[in-house]
Amino acid sequence: MRGGLIGTLIVLLGANGVHAGEASVRFLSRAEASATLTGAEAQGYYGQLQLAELRAKTGLPLDGVTLDAARSASSNAYGAATEDFADDESAALRDAVESMRPVLATRAPLYARTPWCFIKVNATIEGGLPHTRGDCIVLSEQVLRSIANAHAKAHFDQPSGVWGLLLHEQTHVLQRRHPDMFVPLYTDVYGFRQVEVTPPEWLLLRRVVNPDAPRVEWILAVGQGSARHWVFPDLELIELDHPRMPADFKVVALGVHVLDGRRWALDDAQMPATQTDLESVADYVDAFPVKGEAFHPNEIAAEMLAEIINGGKMQNPQHPLWARTREWADKALR
């Protein structure tokens, strides 16, 4: 999921792109998209969402209904929010993908071999933020209009903001297709540990499920010597009544301790009023060169791989994780 937490989408364009049809670029019709977002496979996502989050992600009031009814109504709302692509929107996206093909073939062949699938929704869904579902990238009408308007002035033939956006989201598609391939990146390179954390009820009610990183199972060690401890980054809601997405989201660092083996538990006395903002944990923030979406290894990887493949200006270019991530990518993304 990209945007909101990392700022407003900026579209930077090149010139002289080439339009070409490719079977590997697909734009779902409204009916196809609705079936994708409401089908049996999609219900697992809605089954993780609590009432407050359902309100934030759909804009529905959902007052006086059971959780099951709210989930059903939200699934229907996602399906009803799908739209057909305008010709200039699909042309702009196709041109963006086409312009990336030579770069992908050289820098990340796995991306070049992976089909591109797009779904269009209105801005009531997921706060209008770009995200993925299944093998498809979901874009709101506002984002698509920005891309299409800019494309009318210039094509995409050099690293651009649109490249970065699409590469970020396509990384999430690859993470879903090849989950085991990414684990060494998260653990050996980034330093996360994969564990089982059983959340208390108060946390479940506040948790925000990222469609691009739904499995919250990663902790990171911070501090030195006797002060070294593990933190569990999580995304939560500030407001539970009728929250806004993403205005009422916050990223927190929760303390955890081991129970046995892979099972960990939250430390006591971490109710919402006493939680620590993740951005205030300097050791965690400094561990990664990218800022803004460092609350989950899926998002860190999506940001870093997009910048590496894009070849544009990198954040904190001297950070050692760039070289180590590039080394992993050179082997894994062949």
C-alpha atoms as a PDB file:
ATOM      1  CA  MET A   1       0.000   0.000   0.000  1.00  0.00           C
ATOM      2  CA  ARG A   2       1.551   3.247  -1.079  1.00  0.00           C
ATOM      3  CA  GLY A   3       0.585   6.819  -0.241  1.00  0.00           C
ATOM      4  CA  GLY A   4      -0.928   8.621   2.711  1.00  0.00           C
ATOM      5  CA  LEU A   5       1.725   7.440   5.156  1.00  0.00           C
ATOM      6  CA  ILE A   6       4.512   8.424   2.766  1.00  0.00           C
ATOM      7  CA  GLY A   7       3.046  11.529   1.249  1.00  0.00           C
ATOM      8  CA  THR A   8       1.215  12.516  -1.898  1.00  0.00           C
ATOM      9  CA  LEU A   9       1.859  10.704  -5.152  1.00  0.00           C
ATOM     10  CA  ILE A  10       4.221  12.737  -7.342  1.00  0.00           C
ATOM     11  CA  VAL A  11       4.197  11.973 -11.055  1.00  0.00           C
ATOM     12  CA  LEU A  12       7.437  12.768 -12.848  1.00  0.00           C
ATOM     13  CA  LEU A  13       7.437  11.951 -16.555  1.00  0.00           C
ATOM     14  CA  GLY A  14       9.883  11.560 -19.412  1.00  0.00           C
ATOM     15  CA  ALA A  15       9.192  11.779 -23.137  1.00  0.00           C
ATOM     16  CA  ASN A  16       8.835   9.744 -26.345  1.00  0.00           C
ATOM     17  CA  GLY A  17       7.355   6.505 -25.007  1.00  0.00           C
ATOM     18  CA  VAL A  18       6.096   3.701 -27.264  1.00  0.00           C
ATOM     19  CA  HIS A  19       2.569   2.332 -27.244  1.00  0.00           C
ATOM     20  CA  ALA A  20       2.355  -1.413 -27.770  1.00  0.00           C
ATOM     21  CA  GLY A  21      -0.150  -4.071 -26.863  1.00  0.00           C
ATOM     22  CA  GLU A  22       1.078  -6.927 -24.689  1.00  0.00           C
ATOM     23  CA  ALA A  23      -0.846  -9.961 -23.488  1.00  0.00           C
ATOM     24  CA  SER A  24       0.941  -9.626 -20.163  1.00  0.00           C
ATOM     25  CA  VAL A  25      -0.832  -6.328 -19.370  1.00  0.00           C
ATOM     26  CA  ARG A  26      -4.469  -6.809 -18.406  1.00  0.00           C
ATOM     27  CA  PHE A  27      -7.148  -4.338 -17.322  1.00  0.00           C
ATOM     28  CA  LEU A  28     -10.056  -5.984 -15.545  1.00  0.00           C
ATOM     29  CA  SER A  29     -13.530  -4.887 -16.513  1.00  0.00           C
ATOM     30  CA  ARG A  30     -15.822  -3.614 -13.811  1.00  0.00           C
ATOM     31  CA  ALA A  31     -17.537  -7.005 -13.609  1.00  0.00           C
ATOM     32  CA  GLU A  32     -14.231  -8.909 -13.477  1.00  0.00           C
ATOM     33  CA  ALA A  33     -12.846  -6.572 -10.845  1.00  0.00           C
ATOM     34  CA  SER A  34     -15.995  -6.861  -8.741  1.00  0.00           C
ATOM     35  CA  ALA A  35     -15.777 -10.649  -8.856  1.00  0.00           C
ATOM     36  CA  THR A  36     -12.108 -10.488  -7.825  1.00  0.00           C
ATOM     37  CA  LEU A  37     -12.808  -8.228  -4.837  1.00  0.00           C
ATOM     38  CA  THR A  38     -15.890 -10.117  -3.620  1.00  0.00           C
ATOM     39  CA  GLY A  39     -15.180 -13.757  -4.512  1.00  0.00           C
ATOM     40  CA  ALA A  40     -14.483 -16.622  -2.129  1.00  0.00           C
ATOM     41  CA  GLU A  41     -10.726 -16.018  -2.147  1.00  0.00           C
ATOM     42  CA  ALA A  42     -11.229 -12.360  -1.233  1.00  0.00           C
ATOM     43  CA  GLN A  43     -13.305 -13.153   1.847  1.00  0.00           C
ATOM     44  CA  GLY A  44     -10.208 -14.104   3.806  1.00  0.00           C
ATOM     45  CA  TYR A  45      -9.153 -10.454   3.717  1.00  0.00           C
ATOM     46  CA  TYR A  46     -12.473  -9.112   4.994  1.00  0.00           C
ATOM     47  CA  GLY A  47     -12.480 -11.826   7.658  1.00  0.00           C
ATOM     48  CA  GLN A  48      -9.425 -10.197   9.255  1.00  0.00           C
ATOM     49  CA  LEU A  49     -10.941  -6.707   9.479  1.00  0.00           C
ATOM     50  CA  GLN A  50     -12.633  -5.354  12.585  1.00  0.00           C
ATOM     51  CA  LEU A  51     -15.537  -2.900  12.681  1.00  0.00           C
ATOM     52  CA  ALA A  52     -13.539   0.328  13.026  1.00  0.00           C
ATOM     53  CA  GLU A  53     -11.204  -0.601  10.195  1.00  0.00           C
ATOM     54  CA  LEU A  54     -14.105  -1.582   7.951  1.00  0.00           C
ATOM     55  CA  ARG A  55     -15.529   1.910   8.469  1.00  0.00           C
ATOM     56  CA  ALA A  56     -12.192   3.507   7.619  1.00  0.00           C
ATOM     57  CA  LYS A  57     -11.679   1.453   4.467  1.00  0.00           C
ATOM     58  CA  THR A  58     -15.172   1.814   3.010  1.00  0.00           C
ATOM     59  CA  GLY A  59     -16.602   5.044   4.431  1.00  0.00           C
ATOM     60  CA  LEU A  60     -19.721   3.108   5.489  1.00  0.00           C
ATOM     61  CA  PRO A  61     -21.239   4.054   8.877  1.00  0.00           C
ATOM     62  CA  LEU A  62     -21.872   0.385   9.813  1.00  0.00           C
ATOM     63  CA  ASP A  63     -23.831   1.412  12.882  1.00  0.00           C
ATOM     64  CA  GLY A  64     -25.916  -1.144  14.754  1.00  0.00           C
ATOM     65  CA  VAL A  65     -24.708  -4.162  12.763  1.00  0.00           C
ATOM     66  CA  THR A  66     -22.881  -7.318  13.728  1.00  0.00           C
ATOM     67  CA  LEU A  67     -19.268  -7.808  12.690  1.00  0.00           C
ATOM     68  CA  ASP A  68     -20.255 -10.503  10.194  1.00  0.00           C
ATOM     69  CA  ALA A  69     -22.860  -8.204   8.654  1.00  0.00           C
ATOM     70  CA  ALA A  70     -20.325  -5.365   8.491  1.00  0.00           C
ATOM     71  CA  ARG A  71     -17.823  -7.585   6.719  1.00  0.00           C
ATOM     72  CA  SER A  72     -20.466  -8.692   4.214  1.00  0.00           C
ATOM     73  CA  ALA A  73     -21.583  -5.101   3.580  1.00  0.00           C
ATOM     74  CA  SER A  74     -17.965  -4.022   3.140  1.00  0.00           C
ATOM     75  CA  SER A  75     -17.255  -6.802   0.650  1.00  0.00           C
ATOM     76  CA  ASN A  76     -20.276  -5.660  -1.348  1.00  0.00           C
ATOM     77  CA  ALA A  77     -19.056  -2.055  -1.148  1.00  0.00           C
ATOM     78  CA  TYR A  78     -15.674  -3.021  -2.589  1.00  0.00           C
ATOM     79  CA  GLY A  79     -17.397  -4.795  -5.458  1.00  0.00           C
ATOM     80  CA  ALA A  80     -19.728  -1.874  -6.129  1.00  0.00           C
ATOM     81  CA  ALA A  81     -16.793   0.571  -6.163  1.00  0.00           C
ATOM     82  CA  THR A  82     -15.093  -0.998  -9.190  1.00  0.00           C
ATOM     83  CA  GLU A  83     -15.075   0.860 -12.494  1.00  0.00           C
ATOM     84  CA  ASP A  84     -14.108   0.296 -16.115  1.00  0.00           C
ATOM     85  CA  PHE A  85     -10.873   1.891 -17.285  1.00  0.00           C
ATOM     86  CA  ALA A  86     -11.083   4.907 -19.560  1.00  0.00           C
ATOM     87  CA  ASP A  87      -9.105   4.511 -22.781  1.00  0.00           C
ATOM     88  CA  ASP A  88      -6.537   7.134 -21.806  1.00  0.00           C
ATOM     89  CA  GLU A  89      -6.023   5.497 -18.404  1.00  0.00           C
ATOM     90  CA  SER A  90      -5.278   2.064 -19.827  1.00  0.00           C
ATOM     91  CA  ALA A  91      -3.094   3.624 -22.536  1.00  0.00           C
ATOM     92  CA  ALA A  92      -1.051   5.496 -19.930  1.00  0.00           C
ATOM     93  CA  LEU A  93      -0.529   2.383 -17.806  1.00  0.00           C
ATOM     94  CA  ARG A  94       0.311   0.241 -20.820  1.00  0.00           C
ATOM     95  CA  ASP A  95       2.849   2.807 -21.969  1.00  0.00           C
ATOM     96  CA  ALA A  96       4.399   2.934 -18.495  1.00  0.00           C
ATOM     97  CA  VAL A  97       4.790  -0.850 -18.412  1.00  0.00           C
ATOM     98  CA  GLU A  98       6.154  -0.894 -21.971  1.00  0.00           C
ATOM     99  CA  SER A  99       8.720   1.757 -21.176  1.00  0.00           C
ATOM    100  CA  MET A 100       9.981  -0.295 -18.224  1.00  0.00           C
ATOM    101  CA  ARG A 101      10.425  -3.559 -20.114  1.00  0.00           C
ATOM    102  CA  PRO A 102      14.064  -3.056 -21.224  1.00  0.00           C
ATOM    103  CA  VAL A 103      15.067  -2.020 -17.707  1.00  0.00           C
ATOM    104  CA  LEU A 104      13.229  -4.944 -16.121  1.00  0.00           C
ATOM    105  CA  ALA A 105      14.786  -7.432 -18.534  1.00  0.00           C
ATOM    106  CA  THR A 106      18.229  -6.280 -17.399  1.00  0.00           C
ATOM    107  CA  ARG A 107      17.801  -5.434 -13.734  1.00  0.00           C
ATOM    108  CA  ALA A 108      14.976  -7.705 -12.592  1.00  0.00           C
ATOM    109  CA  PRO A 109      13.946 -10.368 -15.135  1.00  0.00           C
ATOM    110  CA  LEU A 110      11.416 -11.885 -12.732  1.00  0.00           C
ATOM    111  CA  TYR A 111       9.432  -8.636 -12.957  1.00  0.00           C
ATOM    112  CA  ALA A 112       9.673  -8.775 -16.748  1.00  0.00           C
ATOM    113  CA  ARG A 113       8.162 -12.291 -16.755  1.00  0.00           C
ATOM    114  CA  THR A 114       5.359 -11.473 -14.301  1.00  0.00           C
ATOM    115  CA  PRO A 115       2.006 -10.426 -15.810  1.00  0.00           C
ATOM    116  CA  TRP A 116       0.588  -7.022 -14.949  1.00  0.00           C
ATOM    117  CA  CYS A 117      -3.053  -6.850 -13.876  1.00  0.00           C
ATOM    118  CA  PHE A 118      -4.934  -3.662 -12.991  1.00  0.00           C
ATOM    119  CA  ILE A 119      -8.199  -2.933 -11.190  1.00  0.00           C
ATOM    120  CA  LYS A 120      -9.883   0.472 -11.049  1.00  0.00           C
ATOM    121  CA  VAL A 121     -11.923   1.598  -8.025  1.00  0.00           C
ATOM    122  CA  ASN A 122     -13.370   4.861  -6.799  1.00  0.00           C
ATOM    123  CA  ALA A 123     -11.807   6.764  -3.911  1.00  0.00           C
ATOM    124  CA  THR A 124     -14.130   5.328  -1.254  1.00  0.00           C
ATOM    125  CA  ILE A 125     -12.033   2.147  -1.134  1.00  0.00           C
ATOM    126  CA  GLU A 126      -8.883   1.919   1.035  1.00  0.00           C
ATOM    127  CA  GLY A 127      -8.765   5.704   1.268  1.00  0.00           C
ATOM    128  CA  GLY A 128      -7.974   5.896  -2.441  1.00  0.00           C
ATOM    129  CA  LEU A 129      -4.466   4.539  -1.812  1.00  0.00           C
ATOM    130  CA  PRO A 130      -2.766   2.257  -4.355  1.00  0.00           C
ATOM    131  CA  HIS A 131      -2.608  -1.338  -3.170  1.00  0.00           C
ATOM    132  CA  THR A 132      -2.826  -4.903  -4.433  1.00  0.00           C
ATOM    133  CA  ARG A 133      -5.299  -7.755  -4.236  1.00  0.00           C
ATOM    134  CA  GLY A 134      -4.253 -11.150  -5.506  1.00  0.00           C
ATOM    135  CA  ASP A 135      -2.196 -10.643  -8.652  1.00  0.00           C
ATOM    136  CA  CYS A 136      -3.717  -7.239  -9.407  1.00  0.00           C
ATOM    137  CA  ILE A 137      -2.698  -3.663  -8.690  1.00  0.00           C
ATOM    138  CA  VAL A 138      -5.684  -1.611  -7.493  1.00  0.00           C
ATOM    139  CA  LEU A 139      -5.678   2.072  -8.415  1.00  0.00           C
ATOM    140  CA  SER A 140      -8.256   4.719  -7.578  1.00  0.00           C
ATOM    141  CA  GLU A 141      -9.833   6.958 -10.176  1.00  0.00           C
ATOM    142  CA  GLN A 142      -7.931   9.956  -8.753  1.00  0.00           C
ATOM    143  CA  VAL A 143      -4.543   8.275  -9.122  1.00  0.00           C
ATOM    144  CA  LEU A 144      -5.422   7.076 -12.621  1.00  0.00           C
ATOM    145  CA  ARG A 145      -6.583  10.537 -13.650  1.00  0.00           C
ATOM    146  CA  SER A 146      -3.283  12.045 -12.488  1.00  0.00           C
ATOM    147  CA  ILE A 147      -1.323   9.471 -14.477  1.00  0.00           C
ATOM    148  CA  ALA A 148      -3.473   9.860 -17.587  1.00  0.00           C
ATOM    149  CA  ASN A 149      -3.353  13.671 -17.514  1.00  0.00           C
ATOM    150  CA  ALA A 150       0.411  13.675 -17.177  1.00  0.00           C
ATOM    151  CA  HIS A 151       0.752  11.022 -19.870  1.00  0.00           C
ATOM    152  CA  ALA A 152      -1.153  13.245 -22.287  1.00  0.00           C
ATOM    153  CA  LYS A 153       1.786  15.673 -22.084  1.00  0.00           C
ATOM    154  CA  ALA A 154       4.676  13.196 -22.166  1.00  0.00           C
ATOM    155  CA  HIS A 155       5.280   9.476 -22.440  1.00  0.00           C
ATOM    156  CA  PHE A 156       7.318   7.343 -20.039  1.00  0.00           C
ATOM    157  CA  ASP A 157      10.797   6.513 -21.299  1.00  0.00           C
ATOM    158  CA  GLN A 158      12.983   7.266 -18.293  1.00  0.00           C
ATOM    159  CA  PRO A 159      12.783   6.577 -14.567  1.00  0.00           C
ATOM    160  CA  SER A 160       9.650   8.295 -13.345  1.00  0.00           C
ATOM    161  CA  GLY A 161       7.323   8.565 -10.405  1.00  0.00           C
ATOM    162  CA  VAL A 162       4.902   6.292 -12.222  1.00  0.00           C
ATOM    163  CA  TRP A 163       7.618   3.656 -12.588  1.00  0.00           C
ATOM    164  CA  GLY A 164       8.267   3.853  -8.860  1.00  0.00           C
ATOM    165  CA  LEU A 165       4.571   3.507  -8.023  1.00  0.00           C
ATOM    166  CA  LEU A 166       4.047   0.507 -10.314  1.00  0.00           C
ATOM    167  CA  LEU A 167       7.261  -1.234  -9.265  1.00  0.00           C
ATOM    168  CA  HIS A 168       6.343  -0.801  -5.603  1.00  0.00           C
ATOM    169  CA  GLU A 169       2.936  -2.384  -6.122  1.00  0.00           C
ATOM    170  CA  GLN A 170       4.207  -5.135  -8.446  1.00  0.00           C
ATOM    171  CA  THR A 171       6.712  -6.066  -5.747  1.00  0.00           C
ATOM    172  CA  HIS A 172       3.731  -6.834  -3.512  1.00  0.00           C
ATOM    173  CA  VAL A 173       2.355  -9.105  -6.244  1.00  0.00           C
ATOM    174  CA  LEU A 174       5.691 -10.949  -6.322  1.00  0.00           C
ATOM    175  CA  GLN A 175       5.747 -11.180  -2.520  1.00  0.00           C
ATOM    176  CA  ARG A 176       2.370 -12.886  -2.671  1.00  0.00           C
ATOM    177  CA  ARG A 177       3.459 -15.222  -5.480  1.00  0.00           C
ATOM    178  CA  HIS A 178       6.857 -16.104  -4.018  1.00  0.00           C
ATOM    179  CA  PRO A 179       6.632 -15.651  -0.227  1.00  0.00           C
ATOM    180  CA  ASP A 180       9.446 -18.059   0.637  1.00  0.00           C
ATOM    181  CA  MET A 181      11.833 -16.322  -1.751  1.00  0.00           C
ATOM    182  CA  PHE A 182      11.539 -13.051   0.177  1.00  0.00           C
ATOM    183  CA  VAL A 183      12.057 -14.473   3.680  1.00  0.00           C
ATOM    184  CA  PRO A 184      15.897 -14.411   3.450  1.00  0.00           C
ATOM    185  CA  LEU A 185      15.705 -10.749   2.434  1.00  0.00           C
ATOM    186  CA  TYR A 186      13.643  -9.938   5.509  1.00  0.00           C
ATOM    187  CA  THR A 187      15.684 -12.042   7.940  1.00  0.00           C
ATOM    188  CA  ASP A 188      19.277 -12.285   6.664  1.00  0.00           C
ATOM    189  CA  VAL A 189      19.478  -8.816   5.102  1.00  0.00           C
ATOM    190  CA  TYR A 190      17.029  -6.671   7.082  1.00  0.00           C
ATOM    191  CA  GLY A 191      17.459  -8.444  10.418  1.00  0.00           C
ATOM    192  CA  PHE A 192      13.821  -9.261  11.173  1.00  0.00           C
ATOM    193  CA  ARG A 193      12.830 -12.406  13.029  1.00  0.00           C
ATOM    194  CA  GLN A 194       9.722 -14.286  11.956  1.00  0.00           C
ATOM    195  CA  VAL A 195       7.582 -15.181  14.989  1.00  0.00           C
ATOM    196  CA  GLU A 196       4.048 -15.798  16.180  1.00  0.00           C
ATOM    197  CA  VAL A 197       2.607 -12.926  18.215  1.00  0.00           C
ATOM    198  CA  THR A 198      -0.816 -13.441  19.779  1.00  0.00           C
ATOM    199  CA  PRO A 199      -2.463  -9.994  19.965  1.00  0.00           C
ATOM    200  CA  PRO A 200      -4.750  -9.079  22.869  1.00  0.00           C
ATOM    201  CA  GLU A 201      -8.335  -8.060  22.165  1.00  0.00           C
ATOM    202  CA  TRP A 202      -7.655  -4.315  22.474  1.00  0.00           C
ATOM    203  CA  LEU A 203      -4.981  -4.569  19.787  1.00  0.00           C
ATOM    204  CA  LEU A 204      -7.156  -6.591  17.431  1.00  0.00           C
ATOM    205  CA  LEU A 205      -9.842  -3.898  17.643  1.00  0.00           C
ATOM    206  CA  ARG A 206      -7.329  -1.209  16.640  1.00  0.00           C
ATOM    207  CA  ARG A 207      -5.133  -3.054  14.158  1.00  0.00           C
ATOM    208  CA  VAL A 208      -5.046  -1.998  10.518  1.00  0.00           C
ATOM    209  CA  VAL A 209      -4.593  -4.915   8.119  1.00  0.00           C
ATOM    210  CA  ASN A 210      -2.387  -3.869   5.219  1.00  0.00           C
ATOM    211  CA  PRO A 211      -3.631  -5.714   2.092  1.00  0.00           C
ATOM    212  CA  ASP A 212      -0.027  -5.780   0.860  1.00  0.00           C
ATOM    213  CA  ALA A 213       1.354  -7.086   4.166  1.00  0.00           C
ATOM    214  CA  PRO A 214      -1.478  -8.888   5.977  1.00  0.00           C
ATOM    215  CA  ARG A 215       0.752 -11.222   8.003  1.00  0.00           C
ATOM    216  CA  VAL A 216       2.074  -9.336  10.997  1.00  0.00           C
ATOM    217  CA  GLU A 217       4.776 -11.740  12.185  1.00  0.00           C
ATOM    218  CA  TRP A 218       8.033  -9.788  12.211  1.00  0.00           C
ATOM    219  CA  ILE A 219      10.059  -8.353  15.089  1.00  0.00           C
ATOM    220  CA  LEU A 220      13.374  -6.469  15.116  1.00  0.00           C
ATOM    221  CA  ALA A 221      16.036  -6.093  17.802  1.00  0.00           C
ATOM    222  CA  VAL A 222      16.990  -2.544  18.797  1.00  0.00           C
ATOM    223  CA  GLY A 223      19.348  -1.039  21.376  1.00  0.00           C
ATOM    224  CA  GLN A 224      22.791  -2.110  22.524  1.00  0.00           C
ATOM    225  CA  GLY A 225      24.104  -4.226  25.382  1.00  0.00           C
ATOM    226  CA  SER A 226      21.769  -4.530  28.339  1.00  0.00           C
ATOM    227  CA  ALA A 227      19.331  -2.136  26.618  1.00  0.00           C
ATOM    228  CA  ARG A 228      18.893  -4.436  23.623  1.00  0.00           C
ATOM    229  CA  HIS A 229      15.300  -5.581  23.180  1.00  0.00           C
ATOM    230  CA  TRP A 230      12.817  -6.666  20.527  1.00  0.00           C
ATOM    231  CA  VAL A 231      10.087  -4.477  19.060  1.00  0.00           C
ATOM    232  CA  PHE A 232       7.003  -5.467  17.138  1.00  0.00           C
ATOM    233  CA  PRO A 233       6.040  -2.765  14.605  1.00  0.00           C
ATOM    234  CA  ASP A 234       2.312  -2.465  14.054  1.00  0.00           C
ATOM    235  CA  LEU A 235      -0.200  -0.230  12.281  1.00  0.00           C
ATOM    236  CA  GLU A 236      -3.161   0.902  14.366  1.00  0.00           C
ATOM    237  CA  LEU A 237      -6.162   3.205  14.422  1.00  0.00           C
ATOM    238  CA  ILE A 238      -6.216   6.277  16.626  1.00  0.00           C
ATOM    239  CA  GLU A 239      -9.973   6.754  16.347  1.00  0.00           C
ATOM    240  CA  LEU A 240     -12.378   3.808  16.662  1.00  0.00           C
ATOM    241  CA  ASP A 241     -15.753   5.488  16.189  1.00  0.00           C
ATOM    242  CA  HIS A 242     -15.633   6.617  12.560  1.00  0.00           C
ATOM    243  CA  PRO A 243     -11.941   6.710  11.619  1.00  0.00           C
ATOM    244  CA  ARG A 244     -10.573   8.269   8.462  1.00  0.00           C
ATOM    245  CA  MET A 245      -8.046   6.527   6.248  1.00  0.00           C
ATOM    246  CA  PRO A 246      -5.154   7.214   6.506  1.00  0.00           C
ATOM    247  CA  ALA A 247      -5.522  10.316   8.714  1.00  0.00           C
ATOM    248  CA  ASP A 248      -6.362   8.239  11.797  1.00  0.00           C
ATOM    249  CA  PHE A 249      -3.594   5.668  11.323  1.00  0.00           C
ATOM    250  CA  LYS A 250      -0.470   5.479  13.465  1.00  0.00           C
ATOM    251  CA  VAL A 251       2.604   3.239  13.422  1.00  0.00           C
ATOM    252  CA  VAL A 252       3.722   1.971  16.811  1.00  0.00           C
ATOM    253  CA  ALA A 253       6.598  -0.024  18.304  1.00  0.00           C
ATOM    254  CA  LEU A 254       5.300  -2.630  20.740  1.00  0.00           C
ATOM    255  CA  GLY A 255       7.606  -4.435  23.141  1.00  0.00           C
ATOM    256  CA  VAL A 256       7.539  -8.255  23.026  1.00  0.00           C
ATOM    257  CA  HIS A 257       9.092 -11.135  24.914  1.00  0.00           C
ATOM    258  CA  VAL A 258       9.559 -14.785  24.021  1.00  0.00           C
ATOM    259  CA  LEU A 259       7.245 -17.449  25.391  1.00  0.00           C
ATOM    260  CA  ASP A 260       8.672 -20.550  23.749  1.00  0.00           C
ATOM    261  CA  GLY A 261      10.240 -21.157  20.361  1.00  0.00           C
ATOM    262  CA  ARG A 262       8.487 -18.984  17.795  1.00  0.00           C
ATOM    263  CA  ARG A 263       5.709 -17.846  20.138  1.00  0.00           C
ATOM    264  CA  TRP A 264       6.030 -14.320  21.525  1.00  0.00           C
ATOM    265  CA  ALA A 265       3.748 -12.110  23.607  1.00  0.00           C
ATOM    266  CA  LEU A 266       3.316  -8.388  24.004  1.00  0.00           C
ATOM    267  CA  ASP A 267       4.878  -6.871  27.091  1.00  0.00           C
ATOM    268  CA  ASP A 268       2.423  -5.641  29.715  1.00  0.00           C
ATOM    269  CA  ALA A 269       1.203  -2.036  30.083  1.00  0.00           C
ATOM    270  CA  GLN A 270       1.116  -1.155  26.391  1.00  0.00           C
ATOM    271  CA  MET A 271      -2.387   0.167  26.108  1.00  0.00           C
ATOM    272  CA  PRO A 272      -2.901   2.831  23.416  1.00  0.00           C
ATOM    273  CA  ALA A 273      -2.222   5.803  25.697  1.00  0.00           C
ATOM    274  CA  THR A 274       1.237   4.512  26.596  1.00  0.00           C
ATOM    275  CA  GLN A 275       2.412   3.205  23.233  1.00  0.00           C
ATOM    276  CA  THR A 276       5.627   4.342  21.551  1.00  0.00           C
ATOM    277  CA  ASP A 277       5.530   5.794  18.038  1.00  0.00           C
ATOM    278  CA  LEU A 278       7.787   3.739  15.781  1.00  0.00           C
ATOM    279  CA  GLU A 279       9.412   6.850  14.336  1.00  0.00           C
ATOM    280  CA  SER A 280      10.706   7.760  17.787  1.00  0.00           C
ATOM    281  CA  VAL A 281      12.727   4.516  18.016  1.00  0.00           C
ATOM    282  CA  ALA A 282      15.972   5.777  16.497  1.00  0.00           C
ATOM    283  CA  ASP A 283      17.664   2.387  16.181  1.00  0.00           C
ATOM    284  CA  TYR A 284      14.722   1.034  14.216  1.00  0.00           C
ATOM    285  CA  VAL A 285      14.429   4.085  11.969  1.00  0.00           C
ATOM    286  CA  ASP A 286      18.176   4.168  11.291  1.00  0.00           C
ATOM    287  CA  ALA A 287      18.228   0.468  10.394  1.00  0.00           C
ATOM    288  CA  PHE A 288      16.634   1.211   7.013  1.00  0.00           C
ATOM    289  CA  PRO A 289      17.402   3.801   4.337  1.00  0.00           C
ATOM    290  CA  VAL A 290      13.771   4.341   3.317  1.00  0.00           C
ATOM    291  CA  LYS A 291      11.422   6.280   5.568  1.00  0.00           C
ATOM    292  CA  GLY A 292       7.672   6.449   5.923  1.00  0.00           C
ATOM    293  CA  GLU A 293       6.706   2.806   5.305  1.00  0.00           C
ATOM    294  CA  ALA A 294       9.279   0.952   7.381  1.00  0.00           C
ATOM    295  CA  PHE A 295       6.639  -0.680   9.584  1.00  0.00           C
ATOM    296  CA  HIS A 296       6.728  -4.005   7.685  1.00  0.00           C
ATOM    297  CA  PRO A 297       9.429  -5.812   5.681  1.00  0.00           C
ATOM    298  CA  ASN A 298       7.031  -6.145   2.731  1.00  0.00           C
ATOM    299  CA  GLU A 299       6.861  -2.363   2.471  1.00  0.00           C
ATOM    300  CA  ILE A 300      10.578  -1.821   3.075  1.00  0.00           C
ATOM    301  CA  ALA A 301      11.387  -4.282   0.299  1.00  0.00           C
ATOM    302  CA  ALA A 302       8.839  -2.726  -2.068  1.00  0.00           C
ATOM    303  CA  GLU A 303      10.319   0.747  -1.572  1.00  0.00           C
ATOM    304  CA  MET A 304      13.939  -0.379  -1.845  1.00  0.00           C
ATOM    305  CA  LEU A 305      13.492  -2.677  -4.845  1.00  0.00           C
ATOM    306  CA  ALA A 306      11.469  -0.028  -6.685  1.00  0.00           C
ATOM    307  CA  GLU A 307      14.278   2.492  -6.188  1.00  0.00           C
ATOM    308  CA  ILE A 308      16.979  -0.006  -7.181  1.00  0.00           C
ATOM    309  CA  ILE A 309      15.164  -1.051 -10.370  1.00  0.00           C
ATOM    310  CA  ASN A 310      14.008   2.472 -11.138  1.00  0.00           C
ATOM    311  CA  GLY A 311      17.577   3.727 -11.012  1.00  0.00           C
ATOM    312  CA  GLY A 312      16.493   7.135  -9.781  1.00  0.00           C
ATOM    313  CA  LYS A 313      17.676   9.120  -6.796  1.00  0.00           C
ATOM    314  CA  MET A 314      17.874   6.907  -3.715  1.00  0.00           C
ATOM    315  CA  GLN A 315      17.100   7.886  -0.151  1.00  0.00           C
ATOM    316  CA  ASN A 316      20.207   7.777   2.062  1.00  0.00           C
ATOM    317  CA  PRO A 317      22.388   6.356  -0.757  1.00  0.00           C
ATOM    318  CA  GLN A 318      25.309   5.534   1.574  1.00  0.00           C
ATOM    319  CA  HIS A 319      23.220   3.215   3.739  1.00  0.00           C
ATOM    320  CA  PRO A 320      24.745  -0.314   3.690  1.00  0.00           C
ATOM    321  CA  LEU A 321      21.396  -2.016   3.091  1.00  0.00           C
ATOM    322  CA  TRP A 322      21.330  -0.727  -0.484  1.00  0.00           C
ATOM    323  CA  ALA A 323      24.303  -2.880  -1.489  1.00  0.00           C
ATOM    324  CA  ARG A 324      23.040  -5.901   0.417  1.00  0.00           C
ATOM    325  CA  THR A 325      19.526  -5.592  -1.043  1.00  0.00           C
ATOM    326  CA  ARG A 326      20.973  -5.190  -4.530  1.00  0.00           C
ATOM    327  CA  GLU A 327      23.070  -8.332  -4.013  1.00  0.00           C
ATOM    328  CA  TRP A 328      19.963 -10.274  -2.974  1.00  0.00           C
ATOM    329  CA  ALA A 329      17.997  -8.901  -5.934  1.00  0.00           C
ATOM    330  CA  ASP A 330      20.697  -9.815  -8.449  1.00  0.00           C
ATOM    331  CA  LYS A 331      20.276 -13.472  -7.468  1.00  0.00           C
ATOM    332  CA  ALA A 332      16.603 -13.753  -6.522  1.00  0.00           C
ATOM    333  CA  LEU A 333      15.033 -11.671  -9.304  1.00  0.00           C
ATOM    334  CA  ARG A 334      16.711 -13.443 -12.238  1.00  0.00           C
END
